[in-house]
PDB file of all heavy atoms in Angstrom:
ATOM      1  N   MET A   1      14.432  -6.672 140.942  1.00  0.00           N
ATOM      2  CA  MET A   1      15.104  -7.948 141.212  1.00  0.00           C
ATOM      3  C   MET A   1      16.585  -7.723 141.512  1.00  0.00           C
ATOM      4  O   MET A   1      17.149  -8.370 142.402  1.00  0.00           O
ATOM      5  CB  MET A   1      14.968  -8.877 140.011  1.00  0.00           C
ATOM      6  CG  MET A   1      13.633  -9.585 139.887  1.00  0.00           C
ATOM      7  SD  MET A   1      13.708 -10.755 138.502  1.00  0.00           S
ATOM      8  CE  MET A   1      12.062 -11.466 138.593  1.00  0.00           C
ATOM      9  N   LEU A   2      17.216  -6.833 140.749  1.00  0.00           N
ATOM     10  CA  LEU A   2      18.637  -6.569 140.950  1.00  0.00           C
ATOM     11  C   LEU A   2      18.883  -6.045 142.363  1.00  0.00           C
ATOM     12  O   LEU A   2      19.794  -6.509 143.055  1.00  0.00           O
ATOM     13  CB  LEU A   2      19.125  -5.565 139.911  1.00  0.00           C
ATOM     14  CG  LEU A   2      20.613  -5.192 139.973  1.00  0.00           C
ATOM     15  CD1 LEU A   2      21.477  -6.429 139.775  1.00  0.00           C
ATOM     16  CD2 LEU A   2      20.937  -4.122 138.927  1.00  0.00           C
ATOM     17  N   TRP A   3      18.057  -5.103 142.777  1.00  0.00           N
ATOM     18  CA  TRP A   3      18.205  -4.553 144.134  1.00  0.00           C
ATOM     19  C   TRP A   3      17.932  -5.637 145.181  1.00  0.00           C
ATOM     20  O   TRP A   3      18.632  -5.749 146.184  1.00  0.00           O
ATOM     21  CB  TRP A   3      17.272  -3.369 144.334  1.00  0.00           C
ATOM     22  CG  TRP A   3      17.300  -2.822 145.752  1.00  0.00           C
ATOM     23  CD1 TRP A   3      16.337  -2.917 146.697  1.00  0.00           C
ATOM     24  CD2 TRP A   3      18.387  -2.124 146.348  1.00  0.00           C
ATOM     25  NE1 TRP A   3      16.736  -2.328 147.860  1.00  0.00           N
ATOM     26  CE2 TRP A   3      18.004  -1.822 147.677  1.00  0.00           C
ATOM     27  CE3 TRP A   3      19.646  -1.722 145.912  1.00  0.00           C
ATOM     28  CZ2 TRP A   3      18.826  -1.136 148.561  1.00  0.00           C
ATOM     29  CZ3 TRP A   3      20.479  -1.029 146.794  1.00  0.00           C
ATOM     30  CH2 TRP A   3      20.058  -0.748 148.095  1.00  0.00           C
ATOM     31  N   ASP A   4      16.923  -6.444 144.919  1.00  0.00           N
ATOM     32  CA  ASP A   4      16.583  -7.542 145.826  1.00  0.00           C
ATOM     33  C   ASP A   4      17.772  -8.484 145.991  1.00  0.00           C
ATOM     34  O   ASP A   4      18.103  -8.907 147.112  1.00  0.00           O
ATOM     35  CB  ASP A   4      15.385  -8.309 145.240  1.00  0.00           C
ATOM     36  CG  ASP A   4      14.561  -9.025 146.291  1.00  0.00           C
ATOM     37  OD1 ASP A   4      14.942  -8.999 147.476  1.00  0.00           O
ATOM     38  OD2 ASP A   4      13.529  -9.618 145.932  1.00  0.00           O
ATOM     39  N   GLY A   5      18.453  -8.793 144.889  1.00  0.00           N
ATOM     40  CA  GLY A   5      19.609  -9.675 144.962  1.00  0.00           C
ATOM     41  C   GLY A   5      20.780  -9.028 145.680  1.00  0.00           C
ATOM     42  O   GLY A   5      21.464  -9.683 146.478  1.00  0.00           O
ATOM     43  N   LEU A   6      21.013  -7.740 145.408  1.00  0.00           N
ATOM     44  CA  LEU A   6      22.133  -7.036 146.037  1.00  0.00           C
ATOM     45  C   LEU A   6      21.961  -6.937 147.539  1.00  0.00           C
ATOM     46  O   LEU A   6      22.950  -6.907 148.292  1.00  0.00           O
ATOM     47  CB  LEU A   6      22.275  -5.645 145.429  1.00  0.00           C
ATOM     48  CG  LEU A   6      22.771  -5.583 143.983  1.00  0.00           C
ATOM     49  CD1 LEU A   6      22.688  -4.161 143.448  1.00  0.00           C
ATOM     50  CD2 LEU A   6      24.199  -6.113 143.881  1.00  0.00           C
ATOM     51  N   THR A   7      20.728  -6.867 148.003  1.00  0.00           N
ATOM     52  CA  THR A   7      20.471  -6.761 149.444  1.00  0.00           C
ATOM     53  C   THR A   7      20.436  -8.129 150.128  1.00  0.00           C
ATOM     54  O   THR A   7      20.145  -8.211 151.329  1.00  0.00           O
ATOM     55  CB  THR A   7      19.156  -6.014 149.705  1.00  0.00           C
ATOM     56  OG1 THR A   7      18.097  -6.629 148.964  1.00  0.00           O
ATOM     57  CG2 THR A   7      19.272  -4.553 149.278  1.00  0.00           C
ATOM     58  N   HIS A   8      20.700  -9.188 149.379  1.00  0.00           N
ATOM     59  CA  HIS A   8      20.847 -10.543 149.929  1.00  0.00           C
ATOM     60  C   HIS A   8      22.184 -11.092 149.427  1.00  0.00           C
ATOM     61  O   HIS A   8      22.223 -11.952 148.546  1.00  0.00           O
ATOM     62  CB  HIS A   8      19.680 -11.431 149.511  1.00  0.00           C
ATOM     63  CG  HIS A   8      18.365 -11.005 150.096  1.00  0.00           C
ATOM     64  ND1 HIS A   8      17.602  -9.998 149.541  1.00  0.00           N
ATOM     65  CD2 HIS A   8      17.700 -11.441 151.201  1.00  0.00           C
ATOM     66  CE1 HIS A   8      16.506  -9.831 150.278  1.00  0.00           C
ATOM     67  NE2 HIS A   8      16.544 -10.688 151.271  1.00  0.00           N
ATOM     68  N   PRO A   9      23.287 -10.579 149.981  1.00  0.00           N
ATOM     69  CA  PRO A   9      24.610 -10.840 149.391  1.00  0.00           C
ATOM     70  C   PRO A   9      25.021 -12.307 149.394  1.00  0.00           C
ATOM     71  O   PRO A   9      25.714 -12.746 148.479  1.00  0.00           O
ATOM     72  CB  PRO A   9      25.551  -9.986 150.247  1.00  0.00           C
ATOM     73  CG  PRO A   9      24.786  -9.718 151.511  1.00  0.00           C
ATOM     74  CD  PRO A   9      23.362  -9.666 151.127  1.00  0.00           C
ATOM     75  N   ARG A  10      24.644 -13.082 150.414  1.00  0.00           N
ATOM     76  CA  ARG A  10      25.042 -14.503 150.410  1.00  0.00           C
ATOM     77  C   ARG A  10      24.408 -15.234 149.231  1.00  0.00           C
ATOM     78  O   ARG A  10      25.062 -16.028 148.545  1.00  0.00           O
ATOM     79  CB  ARG A  10      24.637 -15.173 151.730  1.00  0.00           C
ATOM     80  CG  ARG A  10      25.472 -14.748 152.929  1.00  0.00           C
ATOM     81  CD  ARG A  10      25.075 -15.569 154.149  1.00  0.00           C
ATOM     82  NE  ARG A  10      23.689 -15.352 154.512  1.00  0.00           N
ATOM     83  CZ  ARG A  10      22.974 -16.146 155.313  1.00  0.00           C
ATOM     84  NH1 ARG A  10      23.518 -17.257 155.790  1.00  0.00           N
ATOM     85  NH2 ARG A  10      21.717 -15.870 155.618  1.00  0.00           N
ATOM     86  N   TRP A  11      23.143 -14.955 148.989  1.00  0.00           N
ATOM     87  CA  TRP A  11      22.462 -15.582 147.855  1.00  0.00           C
ATOM     88  C   TRP A  11      23.048 -15.078 146.544  1.00  0.00           C
ATOM     89  O   TRP A  11      23.313 -15.862 145.629  1.00  0.00           O
ATOM     90  CB  TRP A  11      20.961 -15.275 147.924  1.00  0.00           C
ATOM     91  CG  TRP A  11      20.193 -15.817 146.768  1.00  0.00           C
ATOM     92  CD1 TRP A  11      19.637 -17.058 146.654  1.00  0.00           C
ATOM     93  CD2 TRP A  11      19.900 -15.138 145.534  1.00  0.00           C
ATOM     94  NE1 TRP A  11      19.011 -17.205 145.432  1.00  0.00           N
ATOM     95  CE2 TRP A  11      19.157 -16.043 144.729  1.00  0.00           C
ATOM     96  CE3 TRP A  11      20.176 -13.868 145.045  1.00  0.00           C
ATOM     97  CZ2 TRP A  11      18.704 -15.695 143.452  1.00  0.00           C
ATOM     98  CZ3 TRP A  11      19.737 -13.530 143.774  1.00  0.00           C
ATOM     99  CH2 TRP A  11      19.001 -14.441 142.996  1.00  0.00           C
ATOM    100  N   GLY A  12      23.247 -13.743 146.452  1.00  0.00           N
ATOM    101  CA  GLY A  12      23.743 -13.162 145.214  1.00  0.00           C
ATOM    102  C   GLY A  12      25.128 -13.653 144.848  1.00  0.00           C
ATOM    103  O   GLY A  12      25.429 -13.922 143.670  1.00  0.00           O
ATOM    104  N   THR A  13      25.993 -13.778 145.837  1.00  0.00           N
ATOM    105  CA  THR A  13      27.357 -14.274 145.591  1.00  0.00           C
ATOM    106  C   THR A  13      27.315 -15.696 145.061  1.00  0.00           C
ATOM    107  O   THR A  13      28.050 -16.050 144.119  1.00  0.00           O
ATOM    108  CB  THR A  13      28.179 -14.209 146.885  1.00  0.00           C
ATOM    109  OG1 THR A  13      28.245 -12.853 147.341  1.00  0.00           O
ATOM    110  CG2 THR A  13      29.588 -14.741 146.640  1.00  0.00           C
ATOM    111  N   ALA A  14      26.458 -16.536 145.654  1.00  0.00           N
ATOM    112  CA  ALA A  14      26.329 -17.934 145.206  1.00  0.00           C
ATOM    113  C   ALA A  14      25.810 -17.991 143.771  1.00  0.00           C
ATOM    114  O   ALA A  14      26.268 -18.812 142.963  1.00  0.00           O
ATOM    115  CB  ALA A  14      25.418 -18.712 146.139  1.00  0.00           C
ATOM    116  N   LEU A  15      24.863 -17.114 143.431  1.00  0.00           N
ATOM    117  CA  LEU A  15      24.309 -17.109 142.079  1.00  0.00           C
ATOM    118  C   LEU A  15      25.367 -16.694 141.064  1.00  0.00           C
ATOM    119  O   LEU A  15      25.472 -17.286 139.980  1.00  0.00           O
ATOM    120  CB  LEU A  15      23.105 -16.172 142.012  1.00  0.00           C
ATOM    121  CG  LEU A  15      22.331 -16.205 140.688  1.00  0.00           C
ATOM    122  CD1 LEU A  15      21.550 -17.506 140.565  1.00  0.00           C
ATOM    123  CD2 LEU A  15      21.365 -15.014 140.588  1.00  0.00           C
ATOM    124  N   LEU A  16      26.158 -15.684 141.402  1.00  0.00           N
ATOM    125  CA  LEU A  16      27.212 -15.241 140.491  1.00  0.00           C
ATOM    126  C   LEU A  16      28.252 -16.338 140.287  1.00  0.00           C
ATOM    127  O   LEU A  16      28.777 -16.534 139.177  1.00  0.00           O
ATOM    128  CB  LEU A  16      27.872 -13.981 141.043  1.00  0.00           C
ATOM    129  CG  LEU A  16      27.044 -12.692 140.971  1.00  0.00           C
ATOM    130  CD1 LEU A  16      27.761 -11.566 141.694  1.00  0.00           C
ATOM    131  CD2 LEU A  16      26.775 -12.308 139.516  1.00  0.00           C
ATOM    132  N   ARG A  17      28.549 -17.071 141.354  1.00  0.00           N
ATOM    133  CA  ARG A  17      29.570 -18.119 141.267  1.00  0.00           C
ATOM    134  C   ARG A  17      29.096 -19.308 140.442  1.00  0.00           C
ATOM    135  O   ARG A  17      29.855 -19.873 139.657  1.00  0.00           O
ATOM    136  CB  ARG A  17      29.962 -18.573 142.668  1.00  0.00           C
ATOM    137  CG  ARG A  17      31.097 -19.610 142.677  1.00  0.00           C
ATOM    138  CD  ARG A  17      31.457 -20.044 144.100  1.00  0.00           C
ATOM    139  NE  ARG A  17      31.887 -18.903 144.891  1.00  0.00           N
ATOM    140  CZ  ARG A  17      31.320 -18.543 146.046  1.00  0.00           C
ATOM    141  NH1 ARG A  17      30.300 -19.225 146.526  1.00  0.00           N
ATOM    142  NH2 ARG A  17      31.778 -17.508 146.700  1.00  0.00           N
ATOM    143  N   HIS A  18      27.832 -19.684 140.604  1.00  0.00           N
ATOM    144  CA  HIS A  18      27.332 -20.907 139.974  1.00  0.00           C
ATOM    145  C   HIS A  18      26.436 -20.646 138.761  1.00  0.00           C
ATOM    146  O   HIS A  18      26.118 -21.575 138.029  1.00  0.00           O
ATOM    147  CB  HIS A  18      26.568 -21.746 141.001  1.00  0.00           C
ATOM    148  CG  HIS A  18      27.425 -22.243 142.117  1.00  0.00           C
ATOM    149  ND1 HIS A  18      28.179 -23.382 142.026  1.00  0.00           N
ATOM    150  CD2 HIS A  18      27.643 -21.729 143.362  1.00  0.00           C
ATOM    151  CE1 HIS A  18      28.824 -23.577 143.166  1.00  0.00           C
ATOM    152  NE2 HIS A  18      28.530 -22.588 143.996  1.00  0.00           N
ATOM    153  N   GLY A  19      26.004 -19.406 138.574  1.00  0.00           N
ATOM    154  CA  GLY A  19      25.148 -19.081 137.442  1.00  0.00           C
ATOM    155  C   GLY A  19      23.678 -19.291 137.733  1.00  0.00           C
ATOM    156  O   GLY A  19      23.298 -20.015 138.660  1.00  0.00           O
ATOM    157  N   ALA A  20      22.849 -18.650 136.918  1.00  0.00           N
ATOM    158  CA  ALA A  20      21.396 -18.793 137.092  1.00  0.00           C
ATOM    159  C   ALA A  20      20.960 -20.204 136.732  1.00  0.00           C
ATOM    160  O   ALA A  20      21.483 -20.812 135.791  1.00  0.00           O
ATOM    161  CB  ALA A  20      20.663 -17.776 136.213  1.00  0.00           C
ATOM    162  N   PRO A  21      20.003 -20.760 137.474  1.00  0.00           N
ATOM    163  CA  PRO A  21      19.554 -22.121 137.179  1.00  0.00           C
ATOM    164  C   PRO A  21      18.823 -22.212 135.853  1.00  0.00           C
ATOM    165  O   PRO A  21      18.179 -21.258 135.413  1.00  0.00           O
ATOM    166  CB  PRO A  21      18.612 -22.434 138.349  1.00  0.00           C
ATOM    167  CG  PRO A  21      18.125 -21.102 138.804  1.00  0.00           C
ATOM    168  CD  PRO A  21      19.269 -20.155 138.602  1.00  0.00           C
ATOM    169  N   LYS A  22      18.951 -23.366 135.228  1.00  0.00           N
ATOM    170  CA  LYS A  22      18.269 -23.631 133.965  1.00  0.00           C
ATOM    171  C   LYS A  22      17.527 -24.965 134.086  1.00  0.00           C
ATOM    172  O   LYS A  22      17.759 -25.741 135.014  1.00  0.00           O
ATOM    173  CB  LYS A  22      19.276 -23.688 132.820  1.00  0.00           C
ATOM    174  CG  LYS A  22      20.031 -22.388 132.603  1.00  0.00           C
ATOM    175  CD  LYS A  22      21.079 -22.525 131.499  1.00  0.00           C
ATOM    176  CE  LYS A  22      21.843 -21.230 131.306  1.00  0.00           C
ATOM    177  NZ  LYS A  22      22.901 -21.346 130.260  1.00  0.00           N
ATOM    178  N   LEU A  23      16.634 -25.210 133.153  1.00  0.00           N
ATOM    179  CA  LEU A  23      15.919 -26.490 133.119  1.00  0.00           C
ATOM    180  C   LEU A  23      16.852 -27.525 132.508  1.00  0.00           C
ATOM    181  O   LEU A  23      16.858 -27.753 131.301  1.00  0.00           O
ATOM    182  CB  LEU A  23      14.620 -26.347 132.334  1.00  0.00           C
ATOM    183  CG  LEU A  23      13.585 -25.398 132.951  1.00  0.00           C
ATOM    184  CD1 LEU A  23      12.371 -25.260 132.043  1.00  0.00           C
ATOM    185  CD2 LEU A  23      13.140 -25.876 134.328  1.00  0.00           C
ATOM    186  N   ALA A  24      17.617 -28.176 133.379  1.00  0.00           N
ATOM    187  CA  ALA A  24      18.743 -28.987 132.922  1.00  0.00           C
ATOM    188  C   ALA A  24      18.323 -30.170 132.068  1.00  0.00           C
ATOM    189  O   ALA A  24      19.082 -30.608 131.196  1.00  0.00           O
ATOM    190  CB  ALA A  24      19.542 -29.475 134.135  1.00  0.00           C
ATOM    191  N   ASN A  25      17.134 -30.706 132.297  1.00  0.00           N
ATOM    192  CA  ASN A  25      16.721 -31.896 131.542  1.00  0.00           C
ATOM    193  C   ASN A  25      16.415 -31.606 130.080  1.00  0.00           C
ATOM    194  O   ASN A  25      16.301 -32.544 129.277  1.00  0.00           O
ATOM    195  CB  ASN A  25      15.495 -32.538 132.203  1.00  0.00           C
ATOM    196  CG  ASN A  25      15.868 -33.256 133.475  1.00  0.00           C
ATOM    197  OD1 ASN A  25      16.880 -33.945 133.547  1.00  0.00           O
ATOM    198  ND2 ASN A  25      15.049 -33.079 134.515  1.00  0.00           N
ATOM    199  N   PHE A  26      16.309 -30.332 129.726  1.00  0.00           N
ATOM    200  CA  PHE A  26      15.980 -29.971 128.350  1.00  0.00           C
ATOM    201  C   PHE A  26      17.165 -29.367 127.590  1.00  0.00           C
ATOM    202  O   PHE A  26      17.021 -29.011 126.421  1.00  0.00           O
ATOM    203  CB  PHE A  26      14.813 -28.978 128.324  1.00  0.00           C
ATOM    204  CG  PHE A  26      13.548 -29.531 128.909  1.00  0.00           C
ATOM    205  CD1 PHE A  26      12.961 -28.925 130.015  1.00  0.00           C
ATOM    206  CD2 PHE A  26      12.946 -30.656 128.371  1.00  0.00           C
ATOM    207  CE1 PHE A  26      11.801 -29.447 130.560  1.00  0.00           C
ATOM    208  CE2 PHE A  26      11.795 -31.175 128.915  1.00  0.00           C
ATOM    209  CZ  PHE A  26      11.209 -30.565 130.008  1.00  0.00           C
ATOM    210  N   LEU A  27      18.312 -29.243 128.241  1.00  0.00           N
ATOM    211  CA  LEU A  27      19.419 -28.525 127.616  1.00  0.00           C
ATOM    212  C   LEU A  27      19.955 -29.241 126.381  1.00  0.00           C
ATOM    213  O   LEU A  27      20.409 -28.608 125.435  1.00  0.00           O
ATOM    214  CB  LEU A  27      20.554 -28.332 128.625  1.00  0.00           C
ATOM    215  CG  LEU A  27      20.260 -27.355 129.773  1.00  0.00           C
ATOM    216  CD1 LEU A  27      21.477 -27.244 130.686  1.00  0.00           C
ATOM    217  CD2 LEU A  27      19.882 -25.971 129.224  1.00  0.00           C
ATOM    218  N   HIS A  28      19.928 -30.567 126.362  1.00  0.00           N
ATOM    219  CA  HIS A  28      20.549 -31.313 125.269  1.00  0.00           C
ATOM    220  C   HIS A  28      19.540 -32.109 124.460  1.00  0.00           C
ATOM    221  O   HIS A  28      19.917 -33.012 123.715  1.00  0.00           O
ATOM    222  CB  HIS A  28      21.618 -32.249 125.845  1.00  0.00           C
ATOM    223  CG  HIS A  28      22.654 -31.533 126.654  1.00  0.00           C
ATOM    224  ND1 HIS A  28      23.497 -30.592 126.114  1.00  0.00           N
ATOM    225  CD2 HIS A  28      22.956 -31.606 127.977  1.00  0.00           C
ATOM    226  CE1 HIS A  28      24.298 -30.121 127.064  1.00  0.00           C
ATOM    227  NE2 HIS A  28      23.986 -30.709 128.199  1.00  0.00           N
ATOM    228  N   ILE A  29      18.268 -31.759 124.596  1.00  0.00           N
ATOM    229  CA  ILE A  29      17.248 -32.427 123.781  1.00  0.00           C
ATOM    230  C   ILE A  29      17.203 -31.761 122.411  1.00  0.00           C
ATOM    231  O   ILE A  29      17.209 -30.531 122.298  1.00  0.00           O
ATOM    232  CB  ILE A  29      15.864 -32.358 124.464  1.00  0.00           C
ATOM    233  CG1 ILE A  29      15.811 -33.384 125.604  1.00  0.00           C
ATOM    234  CG2 ILE A  29      14.734 -32.609 123.469  1.00  0.00           C
ATOM    235  CD1 ILE A  29      14.478 -33.449 126.315  1.00  0.00           C
ATOM    236  N   GLU A  30      17.151 -32.548 121.378  1.00  0.00           N
ATOM    237  CA  GLU A  30      17.072 -32.038 120.011  1.00  0.00           C
ATOM    238  C   GLU A  30      15.645 -32.201 119.496  1.00  0.00           C
ATOM    239  O   GLU A  30      15.221 -33.307 119.158  1.00  0.00           O
ATOM    240  CB  GLU A  30      18.034 -32.808 119.095  1.00  0.00           C
ATOM    241  CG  GLU A  30      19.506 -32.596 119.439  1.00  0.00           C
ATOM    242  CD  GLU A  30      19.955 -31.175 119.174  1.00  0.00           C
ATOM    243  OE1 GLU A  30      19.309 -30.500 118.340  1.00  0.00           O
ATOM    244  OE2 GLU A  30      20.936 -30.740 119.792  1.00  0.00           O
ATOM    245  N   PRO A  31      14.856 -31.100 119.453  1.00  0.00           N
ATOM    246  CA  PRO A  31      13.497 -31.210 118.914  1.00  0.00           C
ATOM    247  C   PRO A  31      13.524 -31.666 117.459  1.00  0.00           C
ATOM    248  O   PRO A  31      14.304 -31.176 116.662  1.00  0.00           O
ATOM    249  CB  PRO A  31      12.958 -29.789 119.039  1.00  0.00           C
ATOM    250  CG  PRO A  31      13.835 -29.103 120.042  1.00  0.00           C
ATOM    251  CD  PRO A  31      15.175 -29.724 119.874  1.00  0.00           C
ATOM    252  N   GLU A  32      12.659 -32.624 117.118  1.00  0.00           N
ATOM    253  CA  GLU A  32      12.679 -33.196 115.778  1.00  0.00           C
ATOM    254  C   GLU A  32      11.753 -32.487 114.802  1.00  0.00           C
ATOM    255  O   GLU A  32      11.833 -32.705 113.611  1.00  0.00           O
ATOM    256  CB  GLU A  32      12.318 -34.687 115.852  1.00  0.00           C
ATOM    257  CG  GLU A  32      13.355 -35.506 116.601  1.00  0.00           C
ATOM    258  CD  GLU A  32      13.045 -36.983 116.563  1.00  0.00           C
ATOM    259  OE1 GLU A  32      11.963 -37.346 116.036  1.00  0.00           O
ATOM    260  OE2 GLU A  32      13.850 -37.783 117.065  1.00  0.00           O
ATOM    261  N   ASN A  33      10.835 -31.649 115.315  1.00  0.00           N
ATOM    262  CA  ASN A  33       9.964 -30.919 114.406  1.00  0.00           C
ATOM    263  C   ASN A  33       9.510 -29.627 115.078  1.00  0.00           C
ATOM    264  O   ASN A  33       9.767 -29.394 116.261  1.00  0.00           O
ATOM    265  CB  ASN A  33       8.751 -31.786 114.006  1.00  0.00           C
ATOM    266  CG  ASN A  33       7.978 -32.286 115.212  1.00  0.00           C
ATOM    267  OD1 ASN A  33       7.572 -31.501 116.051  1.00  0.00           O
ATOM    268  ND2 ASN A  33       7.759 -33.594 115.282  1.00  0.00           N
ATOM    269  N   ALA A  34       8.838 -28.782 114.323  1.00  0.00           N
ATOM    270  CA  ALA A  34       8.436 -27.472 114.813  1.00  0.00           C
ATOM    271  C   ALA A  34       7.449 -27.576 115.980  1.00  0.00           C
ATOM    272  O   ALA A  34       7.480 -26.764 116.911  1.00  0.00           O
ATOM    273  CB  ALA A  34       7.819 -26.663 113.668  1.00  0.00           C
ATOM    274  N   GLU A  35       6.593 -28.572 115.944  1.00  0.00           N
ATOM    275  CA  GLU A  35       5.609 -28.740 117.013  1.00  0.00           C
ATOM    276  C   GLU A  35       6.282 -29.037 118.349  1.00  0.00           C
ATOM    277  O   GLU A  35       5.945 -28.452 119.380  1.00  0.00           O
ATOM    278  CB  GLU A  35       4.651 -29.878 116.650  1.00  0.00           C
ATOM    279  CG  GLU A  35       3.584 -30.152 117.712  1.00  0.00           C
ATOM    280  CD  GLU A  35       2.742 -31.364 117.356  1.00  0.00           C
ATOM    281  OE1 GLU A  35       2.685 -31.736 116.173  1.00  0.00           O
ATOM    282  OE2 GLU A  35       2.143 -31.933 118.290  1.00  0.00           O
ATOM    283  N   VAL A  36       7.258 -29.928 118.329  1.00  0.00           N
ATOM    284  CA  VAL A  36       7.993 -30.265 119.546  1.00  0.00           C
ATOM    285  C   VAL A  36       8.796 -29.066 120.028  1.00  0.00           C
ATOM    286  O   VAL A  36       8.836 -28.749 121.225  1.00  0.00           O
ATOM    287  CB  VAL A  36       8.913 -31.475 119.307  1.00  0.00           C
ATOM    288  CG1 VAL A  36       9.766 -31.762 120.537  1.00  0.00           C
ATOM    289  CG2 VAL A  36       8.090 -32.695 118.938  1.00  0.00           C
ATOM    290  N   GLN A  37       9.420 -28.355 119.098  1.00  0.00           N
ATOM    291  CA  GLN A  37      10.201 -27.181 119.458  1.00  0.00           C
ATOM    292  C   GLN A  37       9.331 -26.115 120.099  1.00  0.00           C
ATOM    293  O   GLN A  37       9.713 -25.502 121.108  1.00  0.00           O
ATOM    294  CB  GLN A  37      10.902 -26.618 118.218  1.00  0.00           C
ATOM    295  CG  GLN A  37      11.885 -25.505 118.543  1.00  0.00           C
ATOM    296  CD  GLN A  37      12.694 -25.094 117.325  1.00  0.00           C
ATOM    297  OE1 GLN A  37      12.265 -25.310 116.196  1.00  0.00           O
ATOM    298  NE2 GLN A  37      13.858 -24.522 117.549  1.00  0.00           N
ATOM    299  N   ALA A  38       8.134 -25.902 119.566  1.00  0.00           N
ATOM    300  CA  ALA A  38       7.230 -24.903 120.129  1.00  0.00           C
ATOM    301  C   ALA A  38       6.786 -25.303 121.533  1.00  0.00           C
ATOM    302  O   ALA A  38       6.727 -24.462 122.446  1.00  0.00           O
ATOM    303  CB  ALA A  38       6.010 -24.733 119.222  1.00  0.00           C
TER     304      ALA A  38
END
């Protein structure tokens, strides 16, 4: 993957600048029990 990214510099530069994507809708959810957390 690292080599793949390095050989696509426009994409790699954008990723370094903005960071890897995350599942944004779950970042601030507080699971109330172990079942929900799992």
